[in-house]
PDB file of N, CA and C in Angstrom:
ATOM      1  N   MET A   1      25.922  13.985   0.258  1.00  0.00           N
ATOM      2  CA  MET A   1      25.242  14.173   1.370  1.00  0.00           C
ATOM      3  C   MET A   1      25.045  13.115   2.134  1.00  0.00           C
ATOM      4  N   ARG A   2      24.800  13.336   3.317  1.00  0.00           N
ATOM      5  CA  ARG A   2      24.125  12.593   4.605  1.00  0.00           C
ATOM      6  C   ARG A   2      22.720  11.958   4.435  1.00  0.00           C
ATOM      7  N   GLU A   3      22.657  10.751   4.708  1.00  0.00           N
ATOM      8  CA  GLU A   3      21.353  10.411   4.749  1.00  0.00           C
ATOM      9  C   GLU A   3      20.800  10.094   6.036  1.00  0.00           C
ATOM     10  N   PHE A   4      19.298  10.528   6.236  1.00  0.00           N
ATOM     11  CA  PHE A   4      18.826  10.219   7.462  1.00  0.00           C
ATOM     12  C   PHE A   4      18.350   8.843   7.389  1.00  0.00           C
ATOM     13  N   GLU A   5      18.631   8.477   8.897  1.00  0.00           N
ATOM     14  CA  GLU A   5      17.792   6.961   8.951  1.00  0.00           C
ATOM     15  C   GLU A   5      16.406   7.155   9.383  1.00  0.00           C
ATOM     16  N   LEU A   6      15.670   6.453   8.852  1.00  0.00           N
ATOM     17  CA  LEU A   6      13.893   6.464   8.991  1.00  0.00           C
ATOM     18  C   LEU A   6      13.864   5.857   9.968  1.00  0.00           C
ATOM     19  N   LEU A   7      12.886   6.646  11.006  1.00  0.00           N
ATOM     20  CA  LEU A   7      12.764   5.979  12.744  1.00  0.00           C
ATOM     21  C   LEU A   7      11.208   5.533  12.513  1.00  0.00           C
ATOM     22  N   THR A   8      10.423   4.704  12.487  1.00  0.00           N
ATOM     23  CA  THR A   8       9.212   4.334  12.426  1.00  0.00           C
ATOM     24  C   THR A   8       8.385   4.416  13.408  1.00  0.00           C
ATOM     25  N   SER A   9       8.986   4.423  14.892  1.00  0.00           N
ATOM     26  CA  SER A   9       8.022   4.224  15.966  1.00  0.00           C
ATOM     27  C   SER A   9       8.974   5.553  16.937  1.00  0.00           C
ATOM     28  N   ILE A  10       8.214   5.517  18.084  1.00  0.00           N
ATOM     29  CA  ILE A  10       8.821   6.450  19.213  1.00  0.00           C
ATOM     30  C   ILE A  10       9.641   5.329  19.878  1.00  0.00           C
ATOM     31  N   GLU A  11       9.449   4.536  20.060  1.00  0.00           N
ATOM     32  CA  GLU A  11      10.428   3.184  20.436  1.00  0.00           C
ATOM     33  C   GLU A  11      11.362   3.219  19.673  1.00  0.00           C
ATOM     34  N   SER A  12      11.626   3.446  18.587  1.00  0.00           N
ATOM     35  CA  SER A  12      12.980   3.248  17.876  1.00  0.00           C
ATOM     36  C   SER A  12      13.418   4.762  17.736  1.00  0.00           C
ATOM     37  N   ALA A  13      12.983   5.735  18.070  1.00  0.00           N
ATOM     38  CA  ALA A  13      13.651   7.004  18.180  1.00  0.00           C
ATOM     39  C   ALA A  13      14.308   7.224  19.270  1.00  0.00           C
ATOM     40  N   ASN A  14      13.817   6.409  20.478  1.00  0.00           N
ATOM     41  CA  ASN A  14      14.002   6.988  21.777  1.00  0.00           C
ATOM     42  C   ASN A  14      15.566   6.079  22.026  1.00  0.00           C
ATOM     43  N   GLU A  15      15.462   4.789  21.020  1.00  0.00           N
ATOM     44  CA  GLU A  15      16.409   3.521  21.303  1.00  0.00           C
ATOM     45  C   GLU A  15      17.552   4.562  20.606  1.00  0.00           C
ATOM     46  N   PHE A  16      17.219   4.891  19.274  1.00  0.00           N
ATOM     47  CA  PHE A  16      18.169   5.875  18.563  1.00  0.00           C
ATOM     48  C   PHE A  16      19.158   6.703  19.101  1.00  0.00           C
ATOM     49  N   ILE A  17      18.339   7.308  20.199  1.00  0.00           N
ATOM     50  CA  ILE A  17      18.859   8.689  21.234  1.00  0.00           C
ATOM     51  C   ILE A  17      19.720   7.660  21.957  1.00  0.00           C
ATOM     52  N   GLN A  18      19.335   6.961  22.406  1.00  0.00           N
ATOM     53  CA  GLN A  18      20.192   6.170  23.456  1.00  0.00           C
ATOM     54  C   GLN A  18      21.331   5.733  23.204  1.00  0.00           C
ATOM     55  N   HIS A  19      21.427   4.861  21.849  1.00  0.00           N
ATOM     56  CA  HIS A  19      22.595   4.336  21.260  1.00  0.00           C
ATOM     57  C   HIS A  19      23.748   5.246  20.907  1.00  0.00           C
ATOM     58  N   HIS A  20      23.392   6.309  20.810  1.00  0.00           N
ATOM     59  CA  HIS A  20      24.499   7.545  19.708  1.00  0.00           C
ATOM     60  C   HIS A  20      24.960   8.336  21.315  1.00  0.00           C
ATOM     61  N   LYS A  21      25.957   8.548  20.989  1.00  0.00           N
ATOM     62  CA  LYS A  21      26.489   9.766  22.130  1.00  0.00           C
ATOM     63  C   LYS A  21      25.969  11.311  21.433  1.00  0.00           C
ATOM     64  N   LEU A  22      26.125  11.347  20.040  1.00  0.00           N
ATOM     65  CA  LEU A  22      25.437  12.217  19.427  1.00  0.00           C
ATOM     66  C   LEU A  22      24.263  11.850  18.141  1.00  0.00           C
ATOM     67  N   SER A  23      22.930  12.467  18.419  1.00  0.00           N
ATOM     68  CA  SER A  23      21.990  12.020  17.783  1.00  0.00           C
ATOM     69  C   SER A  23      21.084  13.379  17.321  1.00  0.00           C
ATOM     70  N   PHE A  24      20.977  13.286  16.306  1.00  0.00           N
ATOM     71  CA  PHE A  24      20.197  14.514  15.852  1.00  0.00           C
ATOM     72  C   PHE A  24      18.488  14.152  15.057  1.00  0.00           C
ATOM     73  N   LEU A  25      17.621  14.562  15.760  1.00  0.00           N
ATOM     74  CA  LEU A  25      16.219  14.155  14.910  1.00  0.00           C
ATOM     75  C   LEU A  25      15.994  15.101  13.951  1.00  0.00           C
ATOM     76  N   TYR A  26      15.261  14.642  12.710  1.00  0.00           N
ATOM     77  CA  TYR A  26      14.522  15.614  11.935  1.00  0.00           C
ATOM     78  C   TYR A  26      13.167  15.240  11.936  1.00  0.00           C
ATOM     79  N   ILE A  27      12.003  15.974  12.702  1.00  0.00           N
ATOM     80  CA  ILE A  27      11.116  15.498  12.514  1.00  0.00           C
ATOM     81  C   ILE A  27      10.369  16.360  11.585  1.00  0.00           C
ATOM     82  N   THR A  28       9.225  15.858  10.799  1.00  0.00           N
ATOM     83  CA  THR A  28       8.890  16.308   9.457  1.00  0.00           C
ATOM     84  C   THR A  28       6.992  16.007   9.422  1.00  0.00           C
ATOM     85  N   SER A  29       7.011  16.437   8.525  1.00  0.00           N
ATOM     86  CA  SER A  29       5.290  15.738   7.988  1.00  0.00           C
ATOM     87  C   SER A  29       5.382  16.098   6.523  1.00  0.00           C
ATOM     88  N   THR A  30       3.981  14.840   5.690  1.00  0.00           N
ATOM     89  CA  THR A  30       3.911  14.349   4.885  1.00  0.00           C
ATOM     90  C   THR A  30       3.900  16.174   3.926  1.00  0.00           C
ATOM     91  N   GLU A  31       3.107  16.907   4.493  1.00  0.00           N
ATOM     92  CA  GLU A  31       2.226  17.896   3.869  1.00  0.00           C
ATOM     93  C   GLU A  31       3.289  19.172   3.787  1.00  0.00           C
ATOM     94  N   CYS A  32       4.337  19.016   4.585  1.00  0.00           N
ATOM     95  CA  CYS A  32       5.247  20.340   4.965  1.00  0.00           C
ATOM     96  C   CYS A  32       6.130  20.753   4.116  1.00  0.00           C
ATOM     97  N   SER A  33       5.523  21.329   2.805  1.00  0.00           N
ATOM     98  CA  SER A  33       6.728  22.344   2.517  1.00  0.00           C
ATOM     99  C   SER A  33       8.077  22.611   2.470  1.00  0.00           C
ATOM    100  N   VAL A  34       7.960  23.220   3.894  1.00  0.00           N
ATOM    101  CA  VAL A  34       9.379  23.798   4.328  1.00  0.00           C
ATOM    102  C   VAL A  34      10.219  22.873   4.828  1.00  0.00           C
ATOM    103  N   CYS A  35       9.359  21.707   5.240  1.00  0.00           N
ATOM    104  CA  CYS A  35      10.108  20.466   5.967  1.00  0.00           C
ATOM    105  C   CYS A  35      10.953  20.018   4.318  1.00  0.00           C
ATOM    106  N   HIS A  36      10.287  20.068   3.562  1.00  0.00           N
ATOM    107  CA  HIS A  36      10.909  19.420   2.429  1.00  0.00           C
ATOM    108  C   HIS A  36      12.049  19.994   1.727  1.00  0.00           C
ATOM    109  N   ALA A  37      12.050  21.376   1.939  1.00  0.00           N
ATOM    110  CA  ALA A  37      13.056  22.663   1.293  1.00  0.00           C
ATOM    111  C   ALA A  37      14.216  22.414   2.069  1.00  0.00           C
ATOM    112  N   LEU A  38      13.992  22.081   3.371  1.00  0.00           N
ATOM    113  CA  LEU A  38      15.031  22.223   4.463  1.00  0.00           C
ATOM    114  C   LEU A  38      15.893  21.130   4.522  1.00  0.00           C
ATOM    115  N   GLN A  39      15.549  20.163   4.411  1.00  0.00           N
ATOM    116  CA  GLN A  39      15.803  18.854   4.806  1.00  0.00           C
ATOM    117  C   GLN A  39      17.365  18.844   3.943  1.00  0.00           C
ATOM    118  N   PRO A  40      17.536  18.845   2.931  1.00  0.00           N
ATOM    119  CA  PRO A  40      18.710  18.846   1.827  1.00  0.00           C
ATOM    120  C   PRO A  40      19.748  20.093   2.260  1.00  0.00           C
ATOM    121  N   GLN A  41      19.266  20.855   2.974  1.00  0.00           N
ATOM    122  CA  GLN A  41      20.081  21.859   3.574  1.00  0.00           C
ATOM    123  C   GLN A  41      21.080  21.384   4.878  1.00  0.00           C
ATOM    124  N   VAL A  42      19.717  21.189   5.790  1.00  0.00           N
ATOM    125  CA  VAL A  42      20.494  19.876   7.064  1.00  0.00           C
ATOM    126  C   VAL A  42      21.446  18.994   6.490  1.00  0.00           C
ATOM    127  N   GLN A  43      20.785  18.171   5.325  1.00  0.00           N
ATOM    128  CA  GLN A  43      21.836  16.987   5.149  1.00  0.00           C
ATOM    129  C   GLN A  43      22.975  17.560   4.599  1.00  0.00           C
ATOM    130  N   LYS A  44      23.113  18.635   3.768  1.00  0.00           N
ATOM    131  CA  LYS A  44      24.788  19.086   3.366  1.00  0.00           C
ATOM    132  C   LYS A  44      25.464  19.749   4.680  1.00  0.00           C
ATOM    133  N   LEU A  45      24.658  20.326   5.584  1.00  0.00           N
ATOM    134  CA  LEU A  45      25.455  20.896   7.093  1.00  0.00           C
ATOM    135  C   LEU A  45      26.095  19.973   7.501  1.00  0.00           C
ATOM    136  N   MET A  46      25.057  18.715   7.766  1.00  0.00           N
ATOM    137  CA  MET A  46      25.814  17.424   8.371  1.00  0.00           C
ATOM    138  C   MET A  46      26.737  17.252   7.760  1.00  0.00           C
ATOM    139  N   MET A  47      27.352  17.442   6.777  1.00  0.00           N
ATOM    140  CA  MET A  47      28.226  16.843   6.338  1.00  0.00           C
ATOM    141  C   MET A  47      29.701  17.363   7.232  1.00  0.00           C
ATOM    142  N   LYS A  48      29.495  18.458   7.689  1.00  0.00           N
ATOM    143  CA  LYS A  48      30.721  18.819   8.571  1.00  0.00           C
ATOM    144  C   LYS A  48      30.829  18.417   9.830  1.00  0.00           C
ATOM    145  N   TYR A  49      29.459  17.425  10.144  1.00  0.00           N
ATOM    146  CA  TYR A  49      29.779  16.708  11.697  1.00  0.00           C
ATOM    147  C   TYR A  49      29.475  15.019  11.433  1.00  0.00           C
ATOM    148  N   PRO A  50      30.410  14.416  10.910  1.00  0.00           N
ATOM    149  CA  PRO A  50      30.162  13.172  11.044  1.00  0.00           C
ATOM    150  C   PRO A  50      30.190  11.899  11.961  1.00  0.00           C
ATOM    151  N   GLU A  51      30.184  12.733  13.195  1.00  0.00           N
ATOM    152  CA  GLU A  51      30.029  11.931  14.410  1.00  0.00           C
ATOM    153  C   GLU A  51      28.489  11.923  14.746  1.00  0.00           C
ATOM    154  N   ILE A  52      27.646  12.678  14.458  1.00  0.00           N
ATOM    155  CA  ILE A  52      26.572  13.050  14.533  1.00  0.00           C
ATOM    156  C   ILE A  52      25.574  12.051  13.647  1.00  0.00           C
ATOM    157  N   GLN A  53      24.778  11.146  14.721  1.00  0.00           N
ATOM    158  CA  GLN A  53      24.082  10.324  13.904  1.00  0.00           C
ATOM    159  C   GLN A  53      22.869  10.863  13.315  1.00  0.00           C
ATOM    160  N   LEU A  54      22.130  10.725  12.298  1.00  0.00           N
ATOM    161  CA  LEU A  54      20.964  11.504  11.736  1.00  0.00           C
ATOM    162  C   LEU A  54      19.683  10.512  11.571  1.00  0.00           C
ATOM    163  N   GLY A  55      18.602  11.141  12.402  1.00  0.00           N
ATOM    164  CA  GLY A  55      17.406  10.133  12.304  1.00  0.00           C
ATOM    165  C   GLY A  55      16.094  11.079  11.961  1.00  0.00           C
ATOM    166  N   THR A  56      15.224  10.639  11.217  1.00  0.00           N
ATOM    167  CA  THR A  56      14.141  11.381  10.846  1.00  0.00           C
ATOM    168  C   THR A  56      12.739  10.480  11.265  1.00  0.00           C
ATOM    169  N   LEU A  57      11.979  11.319  11.485  1.00  0.00           N
ATOM    170  CA  LEU A  57      10.383  11.001  12.055  1.00  0.00           C
ATOM    171  C   LEU A  57       9.660  11.840  11.013  1.00  0.00           C
ATOM    172  N   ASN A  58       8.495  11.049  10.618  1.00  0.00           N
ATOM    173  CA  ASN A  58       7.405  11.557   9.949  1.00  0.00           C
ATOM    174  C   ASN A  58       5.977  11.921  11.162  1.00  0.00           C
ATOM    175  N   ALA A  59       5.870  12.994  11.573  1.00  0.00           N
ATOM    176  CA  ALA A  59       5.002  12.909  12.846  1.00  0.00           C
ATOM    177  C   ALA A  59       3.584  13.056  12.745  1.00  0.00           C
ATOM    178  N   GLN A  60       3.262  12.938  11.203  1.00  0.00           N
ATOM    179  CA  GLN A  60       1.740  12.290  10.682  1.00  0.00           C
ATOM    180  C   GLN A  60       1.811  10.680  10.833  1.00  0.00           C
ATOM    181  N   GLU A  61       2.709  10.127  10.454  1.00  0.00           N
ATOM    182  CA  GLU A  61       2.859   8.670  10.524  1.00  0.00           C
ATOM    183  C   GLU A  61       3.360   8.020  12.313  1.00  0.00           C
ATOM    184  N   VAL A  62       3.804   8.938  12.950  1.00  0.00           N
ATOM    185  CA  VAL A  62       4.265   8.247  14.212  1.00  0.00           C
ATOM    186  C   VAL A  62       3.547   9.856  15.190  1.00  0.00           C
ATOM    187  N   LYS A  63       2.672   9.369  15.457  1.00  0.00           N
ATOM    188  CA  LYS A  63       1.875  10.128  16.233  1.00  0.00           C
ATOM    189  C   LYS A  63       2.368  10.739  17.291  1.00  0.00           C
ATOM    190  N   GLU A  64       2.797   9.752  17.791  1.00  0.00           N
ATOM    191  CA  GLU A  64       3.202   9.507  19.482  1.00  0.00           C
ATOM    192  C   GLU A  64       4.641  10.798  19.789  1.00  0.00           C
ATOM    193  N   VAL A  65       5.179  10.818  18.676  1.00  0.00           N
ATOM    194  CA  VAL A  65       6.141  11.923  18.530  1.00  0.00           C
ATOM    195  C   VAL A  65       5.817  13.401  18.916  1.00  0.00           C
ATOM    196  N   VAL A  66       4.702  13.493  18.713  1.00  0.00           N
ATOM    197  CA  VAL A  66       4.123  15.316  19.334  1.00  0.00           C
ATOM    198  C   VAL A  66       4.204  15.349  20.704  1.00  0.00           C
ATOM    199  N   GLY A  67       3.517  14.374  21.347  1.00  0.00           N
ATOM    200  CA  GLY A  67       3.789  14.350  22.904  1.00  0.00           C
ATOM    201  C   GLY A  67       4.898  14.132  23.321  1.00  0.00           C
ATOM    202  N   SER A  68       5.506  13.067  23.086  1.00  0.00           N
ATOM    203  CA  SER A  68       6.883  12.563  23.889  1.00  0.00           C
ATOM    204  C   SER A  68       8.074  13.754  23.120  1.00  0.00           C
ATOM    205  N   PHE A  69       7.799  14.493  22.386  1.00  0.00           N
ATOM    206  CA  PHE A  69       8.890  15.515  21.996  1.00  0.00           C
ATOM    207  C   PHE A  69       8.261  16.716  22.091  1.00  0.00           C
ATOM    208  N   SER A  70       7.102  17.348  22.665  1.00  0.00           N
ATOM    209  CA  SER A  70       6.743  18.670  22.743  1.00  0.00           C
ATOM    210  C   SER A  70       6.519  19.012  21.299  1.00  0.00           C
ATOM    211  N   ILE A  71       6.341  18.742  20.215  1.00  0.00           N
ATOM    212  CA  ILE A  71       6.304  19.057  19.208  1.00  0.00           C
ATOM    213  C   ILE A  71       4.842  20.063  18.839  1.00  0.00           C
ATOM    214  N   PHE A  72       5.282  21.285  18.531  1.00  0.00           N
ATOM    215  CA  PHE A  72       4.079  22.020  17.920  1.00  0.00           C
ATOM    216  C   PHE A  72       3.920  22.491  16.454  1.00  0.00           C
ATOM    217  N   THR A  73       4.815  22.237  15.971  1.00  0.00           N
ATOM    218  CA  THR A  73       4.876  22.769  14.583  1.00  0.00           C
ATOM    219  C   THR A  73       5.959  21.640  13.665  1.00  0.00           C
ATOM    220  N   VAL A  74       6.060  21.859  12.325  1.00  0.00           N
ATOM    221  CA  VAL A  74       7.393  21.175  12.166  1.00  0.00           C
ATOM    222  C   VAL A  74       7.908  22.092  10.639  1.00  0.00           C
ATOM    223  N   PRO A  75       8.921  22.025  10.122  1.00  0.00           N
ATOM    224  CA  PRO A  75       9.820  20.893  10.915  1.00  0.00           C
ATOM    225  C   PRO A  75      10.618  21.335  12.214  1.00  0.00           C
ATOM    226  N   VAL A  76      11.130  20.227  12.728  1.00  0.00           N
ATOM    227  CA  VAL A  76      11.753  20.661  13.953  1.00  0.00           C
ATOM    228  C   VAL A  76      12.913  19.712  14.167  1.00  0.00           C
ATOM    229  N   LEU A  77      14.569  20.478  14.464  1.00  0.00           N
ATOM    230  CA  LEU A  77      15.453  19.785  14.565  1.00  0.00           C
ATOM    231  C   LEU A  77      15.739  19.630  16.238  1.00  0.00           C
ATOM    232  N   LEU A  78      16.432  18.333  16.289  1.00  0.00           N
ATOM    233  CA  LEU A  78      16.900  18.093  17.521  1.00  0.00           C
ATOM    234  C   LEU A  78      18.047  17.856  17.920  1.00  0.00           C
ATOM    235  N   LEU A  79      18.779  18.034  18.277  1.00  0.00           N
ATOM    236  CA  LEU A  79      19.968  17.187  18.989  1.00  0.00           C
ATOM    237  C   LEU A  79      20.161  16.791  20.165  1.00  0.00           C
ATOM    238  N   PHE A  80      20.525  15.784  20.674  1.00  0.00           N
ATOM    239  CA  PHE A  80      20.892  15.088  21.776  1.00  0.00           C
ATOM    240  C   PHE A  80      22.138  14.785  22.117  1.00  0.00           C
ATOM    241  N   VAL A  81      22.487  15.285  23.056  1.00  0.00           N
ATOM    242  CA  VAL A  81      24.277  14.626  23.470  1.00  0.00           C
ATOM    243  C   VAL A  81      24.108  13.693  24.376  1.00  0.00           C
ATOM    244  N   GLU A  82      24.518  12.632  24.388  1.00  0.00           N
ATOM    245  CA  GLU A  82      24.225  11.215  25.555  1.00  0.00           C
ATOM    246  C   GLU A  82      22.661  11.232  26.273  1.00  0.00           C
ATOM    247  N   GLY A  83      22.064  11.304  25.111  1.00  0.00           N
ATOM    248  CA  GLY A  83      20.188  11.386  25.439  1.00  0.00           C
ATOM    249  C   GLY A  83      19.923  12.393  26.074  1.00  0.00           C
ATOM    250  N   LYS A  84      20.357  13.585  26.252  1.00  0.00           N
ATOM    251  CA  LYS A  84      19.870  15.150  26.515  1.00  0.00           C
ATOM    252  C   LYS A  84      19.850  15.851  25.437  1.00  0.00           C
ATOM    253  N   GLU A  85      18.238  16.432  25.290  1.00  0.00           N
ATOM    254  CA  GLU A  85      18.079  17.543  24.108  1.00  0.00           C
ATOM    255  C   GLU A  85      19.471  18.873  24.398  1.00  0.00           C
ATOM    256  N   SER A  86      19.790  19.128  23.534  1.00  0.00           N
ATOM    257  CA  SER A  86      20.881  20.366  23.693  1.00  0.00           C
ATOM    258  C   SER A  86      20.658  21.380  22.738  1.00  0.00           C
ATOM    259  N   ILE A  87      19.807  21.034  21.581  1.00  0.00           N
ATOM    260  CA  ILE A  87      19.349  21.944  20.492  1.00  0.00           C
ATOM    261  C   ILE A  87      17.799  21.486  20.065  1.00  0.00           C
ATOM    262  N   ARG A  88      17.163  22.557  20.033  1.00  0.00           N
ATOM    263  CA  ARG A  88      15.953  22.761  19.233  1.00  0.00           C
ATOM    264  C   ARG A  88      15.554  23.908  18.486  1.00  0.00           C
ATOM    265  N   GLU A  89      15.441  23.525  17.250  1.00  0.00           N
ATOM    266  CA  GLU A  89      15.283  24.582  16.389  1.00  0.00           C
ATOM    267  C   GLU A  89      13.725  24.086  15.709  1.00  0.00           C
ATOM    268  N   ALA A  90      12.899  24.921  15.445  1.00  0.00           N
ATOM    269  CA  ALA A  90      11.520  24.671  15.005  1.00  0.00           C
ATOM    270  C   ALA A  90      11.251  25.593  13.806  1.00  0.00           C
ATOM    271  N   ARG A  91      10.437  25.423  12.715  1.00  0.00           N
ATOM    272  CA  ARG A  91       9.963  25.727  11.447  1.00  0.00           C
ATOM    273  C   ARG A  91      10.647  26.504  10.623  1.00  0.00           C
ATOM    274  N   ILE A  92      11.147  27.889  10.987  1.00  0.00           N
ATOM    275  CA  ILE A  92      11.998  28.850  10.598  1.00  0.00           C
ATOM    276  C   ILE A  92      13.673  28.412  10.918  1.00  0.00           C
ATOM    277  N   VAL A  93      14.521  27.613  10.260  1.00  0.00           N
ATOM    278  CA  VAL A  93      15.485  27.582  10.833  1.00  0.00           C
ATOM    279  C   VAL A  93      16.655  28.378   9.882  1.00  0.00           C
ATOM    280  N   HIS A  94      17.598  29.391  10.919  1.00  0.00           N
ATOM    281  CA  HIS A  94      18.699  30.014  10.212  1.00  0.00           C
ATOM    282  C   HIS A  94      19.823  29.049  10.196  1.00  0.00           C
ATOM    283  N   MET A  95      20.491  28.713   9.228  1.00  0.00           N
ATOM    284  CA  MET A  95      21.121  27.589   8.852  1.00  0.00           C
ATOM    285  C   MET A  95      22.473  28.263   9.475  1.00  0.00           C
ATOM    286  N   ASP A  96      23.150  29.237   9.488  1.00  0.00           N
ATOM    287  CA  ASP A  96      24.275  29.838  10.025  1.00  0.00           C
ATOM    288  C   ASP A  96      24.472  29.557  11.191  1.00  0.00           C
ATOM    289  N   LEU A  97      23.171  29.931  12.285  1.00  0.00           N
ATOM    290  CA  LEU A  97      22.914  29.915  13.425  1.00  0.00           C
ATOM    291  C   LEU A  97      23.234  28.500  14.119  1.00  0.00           C
ATOM    292  N   LEU A  98      22.376  27.742  13.173  1.00  0.00           N
ATOM    293  CA  LEU A  98      21.959  26.548  13.700  1.00  0.00           C
ATOM    294  C   LEU A  98      23.869  25.934  13.635  1.00  0.00           C
ATOM    295  N   ASP A  99      24.293  26.020  12.803  1.00  0.00           N
ATOM    296  CA  ASP A  99      26.030  25.827  12.083  1.00  0.00           C
ATOM    297  C   ASP A  99      26.794  26.267  13.432  1.00  0.00           C
ATOM    298  N   GLU A 100      26.772  27.490  13.773  1.00  0.00           N
ATOM    299  CA  GLU A 100      27.315  28.060  15.126  1.00  0.00           C
ATOM    300  C   GLU A 100      27.390  27.226  16.248  1.00  0.00           C
ATOM    301  N   LYS A 101      25.655  26.747  16.660  1.00  0.00           N
ATOM    302  CA  LYS A 101      25.218  26.021  17.932  1.00  0.00           C
ATOM    303  C   LYS A 101      25.730  24.414  17.564  1.00  0.00           C
ATOM    304  N   LEU A 102      25.907  23.975  16.417  1.00  0.00           N
ATOM    305  CA  LEU A 102      26.429  22.540  16.102  1.00  0.00           C
ATOM    306  C   LEU A 102      27.950  22.531  16.543  1.00  0.00           C
ATOM    307  N   SER A 103      28.317  23.631  16.237  1.00  0.00           N
ATOM    308  CA  SER A 103      29.919  23.597  15.892  1.00  0.00           C
ATOM    309  C   SER A 103      30.631  23.598  17.442  1.00  0.00           C
ATOM    310  N   LYS A 104      29.742  24.510  18.382  1.00  0.00           N
ATOM    311  CA  LYS A 104      29.940  24.596  20.050  1.00  0.00           C
ATOM    312  C   LYS A 104      29.971  23.360  20.329  1.00  0.00           C
ATOM    313  N   ILE A 105      29.145  22.764  20.188  1.00  0.00           N
ATOM    314  CA  ILE A 105      28.543  21.327  21.007  1.00  0.00           C
ATOM    315  C   ILE A 105      29.711  20.178  20.375  1.00  0.00           C
ATOM    316  N   TYR A 106      29.589  20.444  19.379  1.00  0.00           N
ATOM    317  CA  TYR A 106      30.383  19.163  18.374  1.00  0.00           C
ATOM    318  C   TYR A 106      32.197  19.329  18.922  1.00  0.00           C
ATOM    319  N   ASN A 107      32.305  20.501  18.917  1.00  0.00           N
ATOM    320  CA  ASN A 107      33.736  20.878  19.713  1.00  0.00           C
ATOM    321  C   ASN A 107      34.258  20.362  20.910  1.00  0.00           C
ATOM    322  N   MET A 108      33.030  20.141  21.909  1.00  0.00           N
ATOM    323  CA  MET A 108      33.120  20.365  23.027  1.00  0.00           C
ATOM    324  C   MET A 108      33.346  18.605  23.377  1.00  0.00           C
ATOM    325  N   VAL A 109      32.102  18.215  22.401  1.00  0.00           N
ATOM    326  CA  VAL A 109      31.978  16.932  22.796  1.00  0.00           C
ATOM    327  C   VAL A 109      33.044  15.380  22.340  1.00  0.00           C
ATOM    328  N   ILE A 110      33.416  16.069  20.982  1.00  0.00           N
ATOM    329  CA  ILE A 110      34.367  15.427  20.120  1.00  0.00           C
ATOM    330  C   ILE A 110      35.622  15.433  20.380  1.00  0.00           C
TER     331      ILE A 110
END
């Protein structure tokens, strides 16, 4: 399973997005059971997309993430292509639909 890079500030998140052609942010919260249950599924899915760089932020620890990325609930899954948000999924994520969306973008970009 692929691991997420822990991002500890909004600056590190923005740098992460700008430095990678394909970047994926998993925004979570400490007390979120959905977040903890979904993360391993996302990590497993991302094995199919090795060129996508993975990062995670805890919205409770990095409070600026809420305003900066317009977060209203967690988890939030964001895919950025060349710094531009291309996919946004929140709270209840259907893994098969996420896979389809990722596949389309991944195959166009890679």
